[in-house]
Amino acid sequence: MPLDVCDARPREWWLSPFSLNRMNFLVVVVIGAVLGALDGVGILFEPREPYKWQILSAATLKGVLVALLTGFSLAATTRWWSAMLTGALYGFTFSLVIYLAKGGPKSGDAAYVIPSGIITGGLIGLFIVMWAIKTI
């Protein structure tokens, strides 16, 4: 049986990519929640928006989901720039979903939603590789 990189216990080959031994799950969730909330906090300054708290909650949840996907996609030997690209890719994907759900080009929100999702995802990837991934 092959050994996992993080410990000396034997593991099956199909369980190795999903090991929680290589990342701190709580730190990943907190990183995603904080950066997701920072991404969505700007909506509180829009006086005409009736659904401020719902949008802030959705942005926080988006950050947590991007962080979890990024954290499960990274390995202990991942370089910082690769982690940023992975996070930016997931951030772009989620932002594109939100942009299309709001009506796409008719909404006029692409200039705000998509770039902020890419930047937030990249920062999530960087902070995860810095603080949540266990190195060998």
N, C-alpha and C. Protein backbone atom coordinates (compact mmCIF):
# COMPACT_ATOMS: atom_id res chain seq x y z
N MET A 1 0.82 -1.19 0.00
CA MET A 1 0.00 0.00 0.00
C MET A 1 0.87 1.25 0.00
N PRO A 2 0.49 2.25 -0.79
CA PRO A 2 1.29 3.48 -0.81
C PRO A 2 1.09 4.29 0.47
N LEU A 3 2.14 5.02 0.84
CA LEU A 3 2.07 5.86 2.03
C LEU A 3 1.68 7.27 1.64
N ASP A 4 0.93 7.92 2.49
CA ASP A 4 0.57 9.31 2.28
C ASP A 4 1.79 10.18 2.55
N VAL A 5 1.87 11.33 1.91
CA VAL A 5 3.04 12.19 2.06
C VAL A 5 3.12 12.79 3.46
N CYS A 6 1.99 13.02 4.09
CA CYS A 6 1.98 13.74 5.37
C CYS A 6 2.14 12.83 6.58
N ASP A 7 1.84 11.57 6.44
CA ASP A 7 1.98 10.69 7.60
C ASP A 7 2.44 9.31 7.13
N ALA A 8 2.75 8.45 8.06
CA ALA A 8 3.30 7.15 7.74
C ALA A 8 2.24 6.06 7.70
N ARG A 9 0.98 6.44 7.76
CA ARG A 9 -0.08 5.44 7.69
C ARG A 9 -0.34 5.06 6.24
N PRO A 10 -0.57 3.79 5.96
CA PRO A 10 -0.87 3.40 4.59
C PRO A 10 -2.23 3.95 4.16
N ARG A 11 -2.32 4.35 2.89
CA ARG A 11 -3.57 4.88 2.34
C ARG A 11 -3.82 4.23 1.00
N GLU A 12 -5.07 4.17 0.66
CA GLU A 12 -5.43 3.72 -0.67
C GLU A 12 -5.16 4.84 -1.65
N TRP A 13 -4.86 4.53 -2.88
CA TRP A 13 -4.50 5.56 -3.85
C TRP A 13 -5.64 6.52 -4.15
N TRP A 14 -6.89 6.08 -4.05
CA TRP A 14 -8.01 6.97 -4.38
C TRP A 14 -8.35 7.91 -3.23
N LEU A 15 -7.84 7.67 -2.03
CA LEU A 15 -8.09 8.57 -0.90
C LEU A 15 -7.03 9.66 -0.78
N SER A 16 -5.90 9.49 -1.41
CA SER A 16 -4.79 10.42 -1.25
C SER A 16 -5.10 11.85 -1.67
N PRO A 17 -5.79 12.10 -2.80
CA PRO A 17 -6.04 13.50 -3.15
C PRO A 17 -7.03 14.21 -2.21
N PHE A 18 -7.81 13.46 -1.44
CA PHE A 18 -8.82 14.06 -0.60
C PHE A 18 -8.42 14.07 0.88
N SER A 19 -7.16 13.99 1.16
CA SER A 19 -6.69 13.92 2.54
C SER A 19 -6.80 15.28 3.22
N LEU A 20 -7.41 15.31 4.40
CA LEU A 20 -7.47 16.53 5.19
C LEU A 20 -6.22 16.71 6.03
N ASN A 21 -5.28 15.76 5.96
CA ASN A 21 -4.06 15.87 6.74
C ASN A 21 -3.13 16.95 6.21
N ARG A 22 -3.35 17.41 4.98
CA ARG A 22 -2.41 18.35 4.39
C ARG A 22 -2.86 19.80 4.47
N MET A 23 -4.07 20.06 4.96
CA MET A 23 -4.50 21.45 5.10
C MET A 23 -5.32 21.62 6.37
N ASN A 24 -5.28 22.82 6.89
CA ASN A 24 -6.05 23.17 8.06
C ASN A 24 -7.41 23.67 7.58
N PHE A 25 -8.42 22.85 7.75
CA PHE A 25 -9.76 23.11 7.20
C PHE A 25 -10.35 24.41 7.74
N LEU A 26 -10.24 24.64 9.02
CA LEU A 26 -10.82 25.84 9.63
C LEU A 26 -10.14 27.11 9.12
N VAL A 27 -8.84 27.07 8.94
CA VAL A 27 -8.12 28.24 8.44
C VAL A 27 -8.57 28.55 7.01
N VAL A 28 -8.77 27.51 6.20
CA VAL A 28 -9.24 27.71 4.83
C VAL A 28 -10.62 28.37 4.82
N VAL A 29 -11.52 27.90 5.67
CA VAL A 29 -12.87 28.47 5.73
C VAL A 29 -12.82 29.92 6.20
N VAL A 30 -12.01 30.21 7.19
CA VAL A 30 -11.91 31.59 7.70
C VAL A 30 -11.31 32.52 6.64
N ILE A 31 -10.28 32.07 5.94
CA ILE A 31 -9.70 32.89 4.87
C ILE A 31 -10.75 33.20 3.81
N GLY A 32 -11.51 32.19 3.41
CA GLY A 32 -12.55 32.41 2.41
C GLY A 32 -13.65 33.32 2.89
N ALA A 33 -14.07 33.15 4.14
CA ALA A 33 -15.15 33.99 4.68
C ALA A 33 -14.71 35.45 4.80
N VAL A 34 -13.51 35.68 5.30
CA VAL A 34 -13.04 37.06 5.48
C VAL A 34 -12.86 37.75 4.13
N LEU A 35 -12.18 37.08 3.20
CA LEU A 35 -11.96 37.73 1.91
C LEU A 35 -13.25 37.84 1.09
N GLY A 36 -14.14 36.88 1.23
CA GLY A 36 -15.43 36.97 0.57
C GLY A 36 -16.26 38.12 1.11
N ALA A 37 -16.24 38.30 2.43
CA ALA A 37 -16.97 39.43 3.03
C ALA A 37 -16.36 40.76 2.61
N LEU A 38 -15.03 40.82 2.52
CA LEU A 38 -14.39 42.06 2.05
C LEU A 38 -14.73 42.34 0.60
N ASP A 39 -14.92 41.28 -0.17
CA ASP A 39 -15.30 41.44 -1.58
C ASP A 39 -16.71 41.99 -1.70
N GLY A 40 -17.61 41.62 -0.81
CA GLY A 40 -19.00 42.04 -0.92
C GLY A 40 -19.40 43.20 -0.05
N VAL A 41 -18.50 43.72 0.79
CA VAL A 41 -18.88 44.77 1.73
C VAL A 41 -19.21 46.09 1.05
N GLY A 42 -18.76 46.27 -0.17
CA GLY A 42 -19.04 47.51 -0.89
C GLY A 42 -20.52 47.72 -1.16
N ILE A 43 -21.29 46.66 -1.15
CA ILE A 43 -22.73 46.79 -1.41
C ILE A 43 -23.44 47.56 -0.30
N LEU A 44 -22.85 47.60 0.88
CA LEU A 44 -23.48 48.33 1.99
C LEU A 44 -23.49 49.84 1.76
N PHE A 45 -22.65 50.31 0.84
CA PHE A 45 -22.57 51.74 0.55
C PHE A 45 -23.45 52.15 -0.62
N GLU A 46 -24.23 51.24 -1.17
CA GLU A 46 -25.16 51.55 -2.25
C GLU A 46 -26.54 51.81 -1.65
N PRO A 47 -27.00 53.06 -1.64
CA PRO A 47 -28.26 53.38 -0.96
C PRO A 47 -29.50 52.82 -1.66
N ARG A 48 -29.42 52.54 -2.95
CA ARG A 48 -30.60 52.08 -3.68
C ARG A 48 -30.77 50.56 -3.68
N GLU A 49 -29.81 49.82 -3.12
CA GLU A 49 -29.88 48.36 -3.13
C GLU A 49 -30.73 47.86 -1.97
N PRO A 50 -31.84 47.14 -2.24
CA PRO A 50 -32.71 46.68 -1.15
C PRO A 50 -32.23 45.37 -0.50
N TYR A 51 -31.34 44.63 -1.13
CA TYR A 51 -30.93 43.31 -0.63
C TYR A 51 -29.46 43.31 -0.21
N LYS A 52 -29.10 44.24 0.63
CA LYS A 52 -27.69 44.38 1.03
C LYS A 52 -27.15 43.17 1.77
N TRP A 53 -27.88 42.71 2.77
CA TRP A 53 -27.37 41.63 3.62
C TRP A 53 -27.38 40.30 2.88
N GLN A 54 -28.31 40.12 1.97
CA GLN A 54 -28.34 38.90 1.18
C GLN A 54 -27.14 38.84 0.23
N ILE A 55 -26.80 39.98 -0.37
CA ILE A 55 -25.65 40.03 -1.27
C ILE A 55 -24.35 39.84 -0.49
N LEU A 56 -24.26 40.44 0.69
CA LEU A 56 -23.07 40.25 1.53
C LEU A 56 -22.93 38.79 1.96
N SER A 57 -24.03 38.14 2.29
CA SER A 57 -24.00 36.72 2.66
C SER A 57 -23.58 35.86 1.48
N ALA A 58 -24.10 36.18 0.29
CA ALA A 58 -23.73 35.42 -0.90
C ALA A 58 -22.25 35.60 -1.24
N ALA A 59 -21.73 36.80 -1.08
CA ALA A 59 -20.31 37.03 -1.34
C ALA A 59 -19.44 36.27 -0.34
N THR A 60 -19.87 36.22 0.91
CA THR A 60 -19.13 35.47 1.93
C THR A 60 -19.15 33.97 1.61
N LEU A 61 -20.31 33.46 1.24
CA LEU A 61 -20.41 32.05 0.86
C LEU A 61 -19.58 31.75 -0.37
N LYS A 62 -19.57 32.66 -1.34
CA LYS A 62 -18.74 32.48 -2.53
C LYS A 62 -17.26 32.39 -2.14
N GLY A 63 -16.83 33.25 -1.23
CA GLY A 63 -15.44 33.21 -0.78
C GLY A 63 -15.09 31.89 -0.10
N VAL A 64 -16.00 31.38 0.72
CA VAL A 64 -15.76 30.10 1.39
C VAL A 64 -15.68 28.97 0.37
N LEU A 65 -16.58 28.96 -0.61
CA LEU A 65 -16.56 27.90 -1.61
C LEU A 65 -15.31 27.96 -2.49
N VAL A 66 -14.90 29.17 -2.87
CA VAL A 66 -13.66 29.32 -3.65
C VAL A 66 -12.47 28.85 -2.82
N ALA A 67 -12.45 29.18 -1.54
CA ALA A 67 -11.35 28.76 -0.67
C ALA A 67 -11.31 27.24 -0.52
N LEU A 68 -12.46 26.62 -0.34
CA LEU A 68 -12.48 25.16 -0.20
C LEU A 68 -12.04 24.47 -1.48
N LEU A 69 -12.53 24.93 -2.62
CA LEU A 69 -12.09 24.33 -3.88
C LEU A 69 -10.59 24.53 -4.10
N THR A 70 -10.11 25.71 -3.80
CA THR A 70 -8.68 25.99 -3.94
C THR A 70 -7.87 25.15 -2.98
N GLY A 71 -8.30 25.06 -1.74
CA GLY A 71 -7.57 24.28 -0.74
C GLY A 71 -7.50 22.81 -1.09
N PHE A 72 -8.58 22.25 -1.62
CA PHE A 72 -8.56 20.85 -2.00
C PHE A 72 -7.78 20.62 -3.29
N SER A 73 -7.53 21.67 -4.06
CA SER A 73 -6.79 21.53 -5.31
C SER A 73 -5.28 21.67 -5.13
N LEU A 74 -4.85 22.18 -3.99
CA LEU A 74 -3.42 22.44 -3.78
C LEU A 74 -2.76 21.29 -3.04
N ALA A 75 -1.48 21.15 -3.27
CA ALA A 75 -0.67 20.15 -2.56
C ALA A 75 0.33 20.87 -1.66
N ALA A 76 1.01 20.13 -0.85
CA ALA A 76 1.97 20.73 0.08
C ALA A 76 3.16 21.35 -0.66
N THR A 77 3.42 20.90 -1.87
CA THR A 77 4.56 21.40 -2.63
C THR A 77 4.17 22.45 -3.66
N THR A 78 2.94 22.94 -3.61
CA THR A 78 2.48 23.93 -4.58
C THR A 78 3.17 25.27 -4.35
N ARG A 79 3.62 25.87 -5.42
CA ARG A 79 4.25 27.19 -5.33
C ARG A 79 3.19 28.28 -5.19
N TRP A 80 3.59 29.44 -4.69
CA TRP A 80 2.63 30.51 -4.40
C TRP A 80 1.95 31.02 -5.66
N TRP A 81 2.68 31.13 -6.77
CA TRP A 81 2.08 31.65 -7.99
C TRP A 81 1.07 30.66 -8.58
N SER A 82 1.34 29.38 -8.42
CA SER A 82 0.39 28.37 -8.90
C SER A 82 -0.88 28.38 -8.05
N ALA A 83 -0.72 28.60 -6.75
CA ALA A 83 -1.88 28.70 -5.86
C ALA A 83 -2.71 29.93 -6.20
N MET A 84 -2.04 31.04 -6.53
CA MET A 84 -2.77 32.24 -6.91
C MET A 84 -3.53 32.04 -8.21
N LEU A 85 -2.92 31.37 -9.18
CA LEU A 85 -3.60 31.10 -10.45
C LEU A 85 -4.80 30.18 -10.25
N THR A 86 -4.64 29.17 -9.39
CA THR A 86 -5.75 28.26 -9.12
C THR A 86 -6.89 29.00 -8.45
N GLY A 87 -6.60 29.81 -7.45
CA GLY A 87 -7.63 30.59 -6.79
C GLY A 87 -8.28 31.60 -7.72
N ALA A 88 -7.47 32.23 -8.59
CA ALA A 88 -8.03 33.19 -9.54
C ALA A 88 -8.95 32.50 -10.55
N LEU A 89 -8.60 31.30 -10.95
CA LEU A 89 -9.44 30.54 -11.87
C LEU A 89 -10.80 30.21 -11.23
N TYR A 90 -10.77 29.73 -9.99
CA TYR A 90 -12.02 29.44 -9.29
C TYR A 90 -12.80 30.73 -9.01
N GLY A 91 -12.11 31.80 -8.66
CA GLY A 91 -12.78 33.08 -8.44
C GLY A 91 -13.44 33.60 -9.71
N PHE A 92 -12.74 33.46 -10.84
CA PHE A 92 -13.32 33.87 -12.12
C PHE A 92 -14.56 33.04 -12.45
N THR A 93 -14.49 31.74 -12.20
CA THR A 93 -15.62 30.86 -12.52
C THR A 93 -16.85 31.23 -11.69
N PHE A 94 -16.68 31.41 -10.41
CA PHE A 94 -17.81 31.79 -9.56
C PHE A 94 -18.33 33.18 -9.90
N SER A 95 -17.44 34.11 -10.21
CA SER A 95 -17.87 35.46 -10.58
C SER A 95 -18.63 35.45 -11.90
N LEU A 96 -18.20 34.60 -12.82
CA LEU A 96 -18.91 34.49 -14.09
C LEU A 96 -20.31 33.94 -13.89
N VAL A 97 -20.45 32.99 -12.99
CA VAL A 97 -21.78 32.45 -12.68
C VAL A 97 -22.67 33.55 -12.10
N ILE A 98 -22.13 34.35 -11.19
CA ILE A 98 -22.91 35.43 -10.58
C ILE A 98 -23.28 36.48 -11.63
N TYR A 99 -22.32 36.81 -12.47
CA TYR A 99 -22.56 37.80 -13.52
C TYR A 99 -23.66 37.34 -14.48
N LEU A 100 -23.60 36.07 -14.89
CA LEU A 100 -24.62 35.55 -15.79
C LEU A 100 -25.98 35.44 -15.10
N ALA A 101 -25.98 35.13 -13.80
CA ALA A 101 -27.25 35.04 -13.07
C ALA A 101 -27.91 36.40 -12.91
N LYS A 102 -27.11 37.46 -12.91
CA LYS A 102 -27.67 38.82 -12.79
C LYS A 102 -28.15 39.38 -14.12
N GLY A 103 -28.02 38.63 -15.19
CA GLY A 103 -28.51 39.10 -16.49
C GLY A 103 -27.44 39.30 -17.53
N GLY A 104 -26.22 38.99 -17.22
CA GLY A 104 -25.14 39.08 -18.20
C GLY A 104 -24.85 40.50 -18.63
N PRO A 105 -24.70 40.71 -19.93
CA PRO A 105 -24.31 42.04 -20.42
C PRO A 105 -25.36 43.12 -20.16
N LYS A 106 -26.61 42.73 -19.99
CA LYS A 106 -27.67 43.72 -19.76
C LYS A 106 -27.57 44.36 -18.37
N SER A 107 -26.92 43.66 -17.43
CA SER A 107 -26.85 44.21 -16.07
C SER A 107 -25.80 45.29 -15.93
N GLY A 108 -24.73 45.23 -16.72
CA GLY A 108 -23.67 46.23 -16.62
C GLY A 108 -22.76 46.05 -15.42
N ASP A 109 -22.81 44.89 -14.78
CA ASP A 109 -22.02 44.66 -13.58
C ASP A 109 -20.70 43.93 -13.84
N ALA A 110 -20.38 43.63 -15.08
CA ALA A 110 -19.18 42.85 -15.38
C ALA A 110 -17.91 43.58 -14.95
N ALA A 111 -17.92 44.88 -15.04
CA ALA A 111 -16.73 45.65 -14.68
C ALA A 111 -16.44 45.57 -13.18
N TYR A 112 -17.42 45.16 -12.38
CA TYR A 112 -17.24 45.10 -10.93
C TYR A 112 -17.15 43.67 -10.42
N VAL A 113 -18.00 42.81 -10.95
CA VAL A 113 -18.12 41.45 -10.40
C VAL A 113 -16.95 40.57 -10.81
N ILE A 114 -16.61 40.54 -12.07
CA ILE A 114 -15.60 39.58 -12.55
C ILE A 114 -14.19 39.94 -12.08
N PRO A 115 -13.71 41.18 -12.24
CA PRO A 115 -12.35 41.47 -11.75
C PRO A 115 -12.19 41.29 -10.24
N SER A 116 -13.21 41.67 -9.48
CA SER A 116 -13.07 41.49 -8.03
C SER A 116 -13.06 40.02 -7.65
N GLY A 117 -13.77 39.18 -8.39
CA GLY A 117 -13.72 37.74 -8.14
C GLY A 117 -12.37 37.14 -8.46
N ILE A 118 -11.75 37.62 -9.54
CA ILE A 118 -10.42 37.11 -9.91
C ILE A 118 -9.38 37.52 -8.86
N ILE A 119 -9.42 38.77 -8.45
CA ILE A 119 -8.45 39.26 -7.46
C ILE A 119 -8.66 38.57 -6.11
N THR A 120 -9.91 38.46 -5.69
CA THR A 120 -10.20 37.80 -4.42
C THR A 120 -9.78 36.33 -4.45
N GLY A 121 -10.06 35.64 -5.55
CA GLY A 121 -9.64 34.24 -5.68
C GLY A 121 -8.13 34.09 -5.65
N GLY A 122 -7.42 35.00 -6.31
CA GLY A 122 -5.95 34.94 -6.27
C GLY A 122 -5.40 35.16 -4.88
N LEU A 123 -5.98 36.11 -4.16
CA LEU A 123 -5.54 36.34 -2.77
C LEU A 123 -5.89 35.16 -1.87
N ILE A 124 -7.04 34.55 -2.10
CA ILE A 124 -7.42 33.36 -1.33
C ILE A 124 -6.39 32.26 -1.55
N GLY A 125 -6.00 32.03 -2.80
CA GLY A 125 -4.99 31.01 -3.09
C GLY A 125 -3.66 31.30 -2.43
N LEU A 126 -3.25 32.57 -2.46
CA LEU A 126 -1.98 32.95 -1.83
C LEU A 126 -2.02 32.74 -0.32
N PHE A 127 -3.10 33.20 0.33
CA PHE A 127 -3.18 33.06 1.79
C PHE A 127 -3.33 31.60 2.21
N ILE A 128 -3.99 30.79 1.42
CA ILE A 128 -4.10 29.37 1.75
C ILE A 128 -2.74 28.70 1.70
N VAL A 129 -1.96 28.97 0.67
CA VAL A 129 -0.66 28.34 0.59
C VAL A 129 0.29 28.88 1.66
N MET A 130 0.06 30.09 2.11
CA MET A 130 0.91 30.66 3.16
C MET A 130 0.55 30.13 4.54
N TRP A 131 -0.75 30.00 4.86
CA TRP A 131 -1.18 29.75 6.22
C TRP A 131 -1.90 28.45 6.47
N ALA A 132 -2.42 27.79 5.44
CA ALA A 132 -3.27 26.63 5.71
C ALA A 132 -2.71 25.31 5.20
N ILE A 133 -1.76 25.34 4.29
CA ILE A 133 -1.21 24.11 3.73
C ILE A 133 0.01 23.70 4.52
N LYS A 134 0.03 22.45 4.94
CA LYS A 134 1.18 21.93 5.68
C LYS A 134 2.29 21.60 4.70
N THR A 135 3.48 22.09 4.99
CA THR A 135 4.63 21.74 4.16
C THR A 135 5.29 20.50 4.70
N ILE A 136 6.01 19.86 3.83
CA ILE A 136 6.64 18.57 4.22
C ILE A 136 7.86 18.84 5.07
